[in-house]
Amino acid sequence: MSFQYTYDAKGKPIGVFVPINEWEKIKTELKKKKGRSDKTRILKSVEKGMKQVNQIEKGKLKSIPLKQLLDAL
């Protein structure tokens, strides 16, 4: 990758120029990671819900009415 940096008067880097082809690659990778992140978050939520169902079935957690659950969404 060939980035070009811009600096302020004191020599501190304040910006970067990314060639468009490199930028497109970066955007593609970020979209892939976001997709995985969303899937991971959803799977973790489902896993948490299943654990709660198991606890309810074992009597370790009190269930709530469906209306209350839906209202919380």
PDB file of N, CA and C in Angstrom:
ATOM      1  N   MET A   1       0.846  -1.184   0.000  1.00  0.00           N
ATOM      2  CA  MET A   1       0.000   0.000   0.000  1.00  0.00           C
ATOM      3  C   MET A   1       0.883   1.236   0.000  1.00  0.00           C
ATOM      4  N   SER A   2       0.454   2.221  -0.719  1.00  0.00           N
ATOM      5  CA  SER A   2       1.255   3.441  -0.811  1.00  0.00           C
ATOM      6  C   SER A   2       0.434   4.641  -0.358  1.00  0.00           C
ATOM      7  N   PHE A   3       0.455   4.882   0.925  1.00  0.00           N
ATOM      8  CA  PHE A   3      -0.271   6.014   1.484  1.00  0.00           C
ATOM      9  C   PHE A   3       0.619   7.248   1.463  1.00  0.00           C
ATOM     10  N   GLN A   4      -0.020   8.422   1.355  1.00  0.00           N
ATOM     11  CA  GLN A   4       0.706   9.674   1.456  1.00  0.00           C
ATOM     12  C   GLN A   4       0.145  10.424   2.656  1.00  0.00           C
ATOM     13  N   TYR A   5       1.033  10.846   3.528  1.00  0.00           N
ATOM     14  CA  TYR A   5       0.614  11.525   4.753  1.00  0.00           C
ATOM     15  C   TYR A   5       0.727  13.029   4.594  1.00  0.00           C
ATOM     16  N   THR A   6      -0.139  13.759   5.288  1.00  0.00           N
ATOM     17  CA  THR A   6      -0.041  15.211   5.358  1.00  0.00           C
ATOM     18  C   THR A   6       0.290  15.581   6.795  1.00  0.00           C
ATOM     19  N   TYR A   7       1.049  16.639   6.948  1.00  0.00           N
ATOM     20  CA  TYR A   7       1.551  17.036   8.261  1.00  0.00           C
ATOM     21  C   TYR A   7       1.218  18.492   8.536  1.00  0.00           C
ATOM     22  N   ASP A   8       1.096  18.814   9.832  1.00  0.00           N
ATOM     23  CA  ASP A   8       0.884  20.216  10.189  1.00  0.00           C
ATOM     24  C   ASP A   8       2.236  20.927  10.241  1.00  0.00           C
ATOM     25  N   ALA A   9       2.207  22.183  10.640  1.00  0.00           N
ATOM     26  CA  ALA A   9       3.433  22.990  10.665  1.00  0.00           C
ATOM     27  C   ALA A   9       4.482  22.455  11.630  1.00  0.00           C
ATOM     28  N   LYS A  10       4.038  21.695  12.629  1.00  0.00           N
ATOM     29  CA  LYS A  10       4.975  21.145  13.610  1.00  0.00           C
ATOM     30  C   LYS A  10       5.451  19.736  13.230  1.00  0.00           C
ATOM     31  N   GLY A  11       4.996  19.264  12.086  1.00  0.00           N
ATOM     32  CA  GLY A  11       5.427  17.950  11.634  1.00  0.00           C
ATOM     33  C   GLY A  11       4.569  16.798  12.134  1.00  0.00           C
ATOM     34  N   LYS A  12       3.465  17.149  12.776  1.00  0.00           N
ATOM     35  CA  LYS A  12       2.571  16.113  13.297  1.00  0.00           C
ATOM     36  C   LYS A  12       1.664  15.623  12.160  1.00  0.00           C
ATOM     37  N   PRO A  13       1.558  14.284  11.968  1.00  0.00           N
ATOM     38  CA  PRO A  13       0.677  13.793  10.911  1.00  0.00           C
ATOM     39  C   PRO A  13      -0.782  14.132  11.219  1.00  0.00           C
ATOM     40  N   ILE A  14      -1.481  14.677  10.211  1.00  0.00           N
ATOM     41  CA  ILE A  14      -2.874  15.084  10.421  1.00  0.00           C
ATOM     42  C   ILE A  14      -3.833  14.455   9.406  1.00  0.00           C
ATOM     43  N   GLY A  15      -3.296  13.778   8.420  1.00  0.00           N
ATOM     44  CA  GLY A  15      -4.162  13.181   7.417  1.00  0.00           C
ATOM     45  C   GLY A  15      -3.401  12.177   6.585  1.00  0.00           C
ATOM     46  N   VAL A  16      -4.197  11.447   5.794  1.00  0.00           N
ATOM     47  CA  VAL A  16      -3.582  10.463   4.921  1.00  0.00           C
ATOM     48  C   VAL A  16      -4.360  10.395   3.615  1.00  0.00           C
ATOM     49  N   PHE A  17      -3.636  10.261   2.528  1.00  0.00           N
ATOM     50  CA  PHE A  17      -4.228  10.064   1.218  1.00  0.00           C
ATOM     51  C   PHE A  17      -4.099   8.595   0.877  1.00  0.00           C
ATOM     52  N   VAL A  18      -5.243   7.966   0.565  1.00  0.00           N
ATOM     53  CA  VAL A  18      -5.262   6.549   0.222  1.00  0.00           C
ATOM     54  C   VAL A  18      -5.677   6.435  -1.237  1.00  0.00           C
ATOM     55  N   PRO A  19      -4.865   5.813  -2.072  1.00  0.00           N
ATOM     56  CA  PRO A  19      -5.277   5.626  -3.463  1.00  0.00           C
ATOM     57  C   PRO A  19      -6.607   4.877  -3.533  1.00  0.00           C
ATOM     58  N   ILE A  20      -7.440   5.223  -4.508  1.00  0.00           N
ATOM     59  CA  ILE A  20      -8.809   4.705  -4.572  1.00  0.00           C
ATOM     60  C   ILE A  20      -8.842   3.179  -4.631  1.00  0.00           C
ATOM     61  N   ASN A  21      -7.933   2.552  -5.367  1.00  0.00           N
ATOM     62  CA  ASN A  21      -7.946   1.083  -5.420  1.00  0.00           C
ATOM     63  C   ASN A  21      -7.674   0.466  -4.047  1.00  0.00           C
ATOM     64  N   GLU A  22      -6.796   1.089  -3.289  1.00  0.00           N
ATOM     65  CA  GLU A  22      -6.528   0.609  -1.934  1.00  0.00           C
ATOM     66  C   GLU A  22      -7.746   0.847  -1.038  1.00  0.00           C
ATOM     67  N   TRP A  23      -8.388   2.007  -1.220  1.00  0.00           N
ATOM     68  CA  TRP A  23      -9.564   2.339  -0.425  1.00  0.00           C
ATOM     69  C   TRP A  23     -10.681   1.326  -0.665  1.00  0.00           C
ATOM     70  N   GLU A  24     -10.874   0.936  -1.913  1.00  0.00           N
ATOM     71  CA  GLU A  24     -11.906  -0.050  -2.240  1.00  0.00           C
ATOM     72  C   GLU A  24     -11.621  -1.378  -1.551  1.00  0.00           C
ATOM     73  N   LYS A  25     -10.365  -1.777  -1.516  1.00  0.00           N
ATOM     74  CA  LYS A  25      -9.983  -3.021  -0.822  1.00  0.00           C
ATOM     75  C   LYS A  25     -10.288  -2.912   0.673  1.00  0.00           C
ATOM     76  N   ILE A  26      -9.945  -1.774   1.259  1.00  0.00           N
ATOM     77  CA  ILE A  26     -10.185  -1.550   2.690  1.00  0.00           C
ATOM     78  C   ILE A  26     -11.688  -1.612   2.984  1.00  0.00           C
ATOM     79  N   LYS A  27     -12.494  -0.952   2.157  1.00  0.00           N
ATOM     80  CA  LYS A  27     -13.945  -0.963   2.370  1.00  0.00           C
ATOM     81  C   LYS A  27     -14.508  -2.379   2.277  1.00  0.00           C
ATOM     82  N   THR A  28     -14.038  -3.153   1.319  1.00  0.00           N
ATOM     83  CA  THR A  28     -14.501  -4.536   1.165  1.00  0.00           C
ATOM     84  C   THR A  28     -14.181  -5.349   2.412  1.00  0.00           C
ATOM     85  N   GLU A  29     -12.974  -5.208   2.914  1.00  0.00           N
ATOM     86  CA  GLU A  29     -12.574  -5.948   4.120  1.00  0.00           C
ATOM     87  C   GLU A  29     -13.404  -5.523   5.329  1.00  0.00           C
ATOM     88  N   LEU A  30     -13.658  -4.227   5.455  1.00  0.00           N
ATOM     89  CA  LEU A  30     -14.464  -3.740   6.578  1.00  0.00           C
ATOM     90  C   LEU A  30     -15.885  -4.287   6.522  1.00  0.00           C
ATOM     91  N   LYS A  31     -16.465  -4.355   5.320  1.00  0.00           N
ATOM     92  CA  LYS A  31     -17.810  -4.900   5.168  1.00  0.00           C
ATOM     93  C   LYS A  31     -17.837  -6.369   5.572  1.00  0.00           C
ATOM     94  N   LYS A  32     -16.814  -7.126   5.178  1.00  0.00           N
ATOM     95  CA  LYS A  32     -16.731  -8.540   5.548  1.00  0.00           C
ATOM     96  C   LYS A  32     -16.672  -8.688   7.062  1.00  0.00           C
ATOM     97  N   LYS A  33     -15.833  -7.868   7.694  1.00  0.00           N
ATOM     98  CA  LYS A  33     -15.695  -7.943   9.153  1.00  0.00           C
ATOM     99  C   LYS A  33     -16.980  -7.548   9.850  1.00  0.00           C
ATOM    100  N   LYS A  34     -17.667  -6.533   9.347  1.00  0.00           N
ATOM    101  CA  LYS A  34     -18.924  -6.106   9.953  1.00  0.00           C
ATOM    102  C   LYS A  34     -19.951  -7.222   9.841  1.00  0.00           C
ATOM    103  N   GLY A  35     -20.012  -7.865   8.701  1.00  0.00           N
ATOM    104  CA  GLY A  35     -20.934  -8.983   8.522  1.00  0.00           C
ATOM    105  C   GLY A  35     -20.673 -10.088   9.521  1.00  0.00           C
ATOM    106  N   ARG A  36     -19.408 -10.411   9.730  1.00  0.00           N
ATOM    107  CA  ARG A  36     -19.054 -11.441  10.718  1.00  0.00           C
ATOM    108  C   ARG A  36     -19.407 -10.976  12.119  1.00  0.00           C
ATOM    109  N   SER A  37     -19.183  -9.699  12.377  1.00  0.00           N
ATOM    110  CA  SER A  37     -19.490  -9.143  13.689  1.00  0.00           C
ATOM    111  C   SER A  37     -20.987  -9.228  13.975  1.00  0.00           C
ATOM    112  N   ASP A  38     -21.812  -8.885  12.981  1.00  0.00           N
ATOM    113  CA  ASP A  38     -23.265  -8.958  13.148  1.00  0.00           C
ATOM    114  C   ASP A  38     -23.701 -10.395  13.403  1.00  0.00           C
ATOM    115  N   LYS A  39     -23.153 -11.330  12.649  1.00  0.00           N
ATOM    116  CA  LYS A  39     -23.507 -12.741  12.817  1.00  0.00           C
ATOM    117  C   LYS A  39     -23.092 -13.225  14.200  1.00  0.00           C
ATOM    118  N   THR A  40     -21.913 -12.842  14.623  1.00  0.00           N
ATOM    119  CA  THR A  40     -21.430 -13.246  15.941  1.00  0.00           C
ATOM    120  C   THR A  40     -22.332 -12.703  17.035  1.00  0.00           C
ATOM    121  N   ARG A  41     -22.735 -11.448  16.909  1.00  0.00           N
ATOM    122  CA  ARG A  41     -23.615 -10.826  17.908  1.00  0.00           C
ATOM    123  C   ARG A  41     -24.953 -11.555  17.964  1.00  0.00           C
ATOM    124  N   ILE A  42     -25.504 -11.878  16.814  1.00  0.00           N
ATOM    125  CA  ILE A  42     -26.784 -12.581  16.768  1.00  0.00           C
ATOM    126  C   ILE A  42     -26.658 -13.966  17.378  1.00  0.00           C
ATOM    127  N   LEU A  43     -25.598 -14.683  17.017  1.00  0.00           N
ATOM    128  CA  LEU A  43     -25.399 -16.031  17.566  1.00  0.00           C
ATOM    129  C   LEU A  43     -25.217 -15.999  19.082  1.00  0.00           C
ATOM    130  N   LYS A  44     -24.505 -15.002  19.582  1.00  0.00           N
ATOM    131  CA  LYS A  44     -24.330 -14.875  21.029  1.00  0.00           C
ATOM    132  C   LYS A  44     -25.662 -14.601  21.714  1.00  0.00           C
ATOM    133  N   SER A  45     -26.511 -13.789  21.083  1.00  0.00           N
ATOM    134  CA  SER A  45     -27.828 -13.496  21.655  1.00  0.00           C
ATOM    135  C   SER A  45     -28.693 -14.751  21.701  1.00  0.00           C
ATOM    136  N   VAL A  46     -28.646 -15.541  20.628  1.00  0.00           N
ATOM    137  CA  VAL A  46     -29.415 -16.790  20.596  1.00  0.00           C
ATOM    138  C   VAL A  46     -28.898 -17.745  21.661  1.00  0.00           C
ATOM    139  N   GLU A  47     -27.581 -17.832  21.779  1.00  0.00           N
ATOM    140  CA  GLU A  47     -26.985 -18.706  22.793  1.00  0.00           C
ATOM    141  C   GLU A  47     -27.415 -18.271  24.200  1.00  0.00           C
ATOM    142  N   LYS A  48     -27.399 -16.971  24.459  1.00  0.00           N
ATOM    143  CA  LYS A  48     -27.823 -16.458  25.763  1.00  0.00           C
ATOM    144  C   LYS A  48     -29.281 -16.809  26.022  1.00  0.00           C
ATOM    145  N   GLY A  49     -30.128 -16.648  24.994  1.00  0.00           N
ATOM    146  CA  GLY A  49     -31.543 -16.982  25.131  1.00  0.00           C
ATOM    147  C   GLY A  49     -31.752 -18.460  25.440  1.00  0.00           C
ATOM    148  N   MET A  50     -30.999 -19.317  24.781  1.00  0.00           N
ATOM    149  CA  MET A  50     -31.124 -20.761  25.020  1.00  0.00           C
ATOM    150  C   MET A  50     -30.692 -21.117  26.441  1.00  0.00           C
ATOM    151  N   LYS A  51     -29.656 -20.465  26.924  1.00  0.00           N
ATOM    152  CA  LYS A  51     -29.217 -20.699  28.306  1.00  0.00           C
ATOM    153  C   LYS A  51     -30.321 -20.274  29.284  1.00  0.00           C
ATOM    154  N   GLN A  52     -30.976 -19.149  28.979  1.00  0.00           N
ATOM    155  CA  GLN A  52     -32.062 -18.690  29.847  1.00  0.00           C
ATOM    156  C   GLN A  52     -33.233 -19.666  29.821  1.00  0.00           C
ATOM    157  N   VAL A  53     -33.539 -20.213  28.639  1.00  0.00           N
ATOM    158  CA  VAL A  53     -34.612 -21.207  28.536  1.00  0.00           C
ATOM    159  C   VAL A  53     -34.273 -22.418  29.389  1.00  0.00           C
ATOM    160  N   ASN A  54     -33.036 -22.878  29.324  1.00  0.00           N
ATOM    161  CA  ASN A  54     -32.612 -24.024  30.143  1.00  0.00           C
ATOM    162  C   ASN A  54     -32.744 -23.719  31.627  1.00  0.00           C
ATOM    163  N   GLN A  55     -32.383 -22.504  32.025  1.00  0.00           N
ATOM    164  CA  GLN A  55     -32.502 -22.123  33.435  1.00  0.00           C
ATOM    165  C   GLN A  55     -33.969 -22.065  33.858  1.00  0.00           C
ATOM    166  N   ILE A  56     -34.831 -21.600  32.991  1.00  0.00           N
ATOM    167  CA  ILE A  56     -36.266 -21.548  33.288  1.00  0.00           C
ATOM    168  C   ILE A  56     -36.804 -22.965  33.462  1.00  0.00           C
ATOM    169  N   GLU A  57     -36.411 -23.851  32.539  1.00  0.00           N
ATOM    170  CA  GLU A  57     -36.878 -25.245  32.615  1.00  0.00           C
ATOM    171  C   GLU A  57     -36.401 -25.934  33.886  1.00  0.00           C
ATOM    172  N   LYS A  58     -35.236 -25.546  34.383  1.00  0.00           N
ATOM    173  CA  LYS A  58     -34.696 -26.138  35.610  1.00  0.00           C
ATOM    174  C   LYS A  58     -35.212 -25.436  36.865  1.00  0.00           C
ATOM    175  N   GLY A  59     -35.998 -24.382  36.669  1.00  0.00           N
ATOM    176  CA  GLY A  59     -36.549 -23.658  37.809  1.00  0.00           C
ATOM    177  C   GLY A  59     -35.584 -22.677  38.444  1.00  0.00           C
ATOM    178  N   LYS A  60     -34.492 -22.407  37.790  1.00  0.00           N
ATOM    179  CA  LYS A  60     -33.483 -21.493  38.336  1.00  0.00           C
ATOM    180  C   LYS A  60     -33.726 -20.042  37.932  1.00  0.00           C
ATOM    181  N   LEU A  61     -34.630 -19.838  36.982  1.00  0.00           N
ATOM    182  CA  LEU A  61     -34.936 -18.501  36.498  1.00  0.00           C
ATOM    183  C   LEU A  61     -36.433 -18.427  36.265  1.00  0.00           C
ATOM    184  N   LYS A  62     -37.014 -17.309  36.643  1.00  0.00           N
ATOM    185  CA  LYS A  62     -38.460 -17.135  36.486  1.00  0.00           C
ATOM    186  C   LYS A  62     -38.774 -16.689  35.066  1.00  0.00           C
ATOM    187  N   SER A  63     -39.779 -17.286  34.465  1.00  0.00           N
ATOM    188  CA  SER A  63     -40.177 -16.891  33.116  1.00  0.00           C
ATOM    189  C   SER A  63     -40.994 -15.601  33.176  1.00  0.00           C
ATOM    190  N   ILE A  64     -41.117 -14.952  32.027  1.00  0.00           N
ATOM    191  CA  ILE A  64     -41.915 -13.746  31.947  1.00  0.00           C
ATOM    192  C   ILE A  64     -42.986 -13.948  30.896  1.00  0.00           C
ATOM    193  N   PRO A  65     -44.118 -13.233  31.009  1.00  0.00           N
ATOM    194  CA  PRO A  65     -45.175 -13.375  30.003  1.00  0.00           C
ATOM    195  C   PRO A  65     -44.691 -12.927  28.618  1.00  0.00           C
ATOM    196  N   LEU A  66     -45.212 -13.545  27.572  1.00  0.00           N
ATOM    197  CA  LEU A  66     -44.828 -13.230  26.216  1.00  0.00           C
ATOM    198  C   LEU A  66     -45.036 -11.747  25.899  1.00  0.00           C
ATOM    199  N   LYS A  67     -46.156 -11.178  26.369  1.00  0.00           N
ATOM    200  CA  LYS A  67     -46.421  -9.757  26.109  1.00  0.00           C
ATOM    201  C   LYS A  67     -45.308  -8.890  26.677  1.00  0.00           C
ATOM    202  N   GLN A  68     -44.841  -9.216  27.868  1.00  0.00           N
ATOM    203  CA  GLN A  68     -43.759  -8.433  28.479  1.00  0.00           C
ATOM    204  C   GLN A  68     -42.483  -8.569  27.647  1.00  0.00           C
ATOM    205  N   LEU A  69     -42.228  -9.763  27.160  1.00  0.00           N
ATOM    206  CA  LEU A  69     -41.056  -9.977  26.319  1.00  0.00           C
ATOM    207  C   LEU A  69     -41.148  -9.145  25.040  1.00  0.00           C
ATOM    208  N   LEU A  70     -42.286  -9.187  24.381  1.00  0.00           N
ATOM    209  CA  LEU A  70     -42.472  -8.452  23.139  1.00  0.00           C
ATOM    210  C   LEU A  70     -42.439  -6.944  23.363  1.00  0.00           C
ATOM    211  N   ASP A  71     -42.973  -6.492  24.483  1.00  0.00           N
ATOM    212  CA  ASP A  71     -42.931  -5.068  24.802  1.00  0.00           C
ATOM    213  C   ASP A  71     -41.492  -4.578  24.993  1.00  0.00           C
ATOM    214  N   ALA A  72     -40.633  -5.478  25.478  1.00  0.00           N
ATOM    215  CA  ALA A  72     -39.244  -5.110  25.719  1.00  0.00           C
ATOM    216  C   ALA A  72     -38.471  -4.936  24.410  1.00  0.00           C
ATOM    217  N   LEU A  73     -38.993  -5.553  23.344  1.00  0.00           N
ATOM    218  CA  LEU A  73     -38.327  -5.423  22.040  1.00  0.00           C
ATOM    219  C   LEU A  73     -38.671  -4.093  21.462  1.00  0.00           C
TER     220      LEU A  73
END
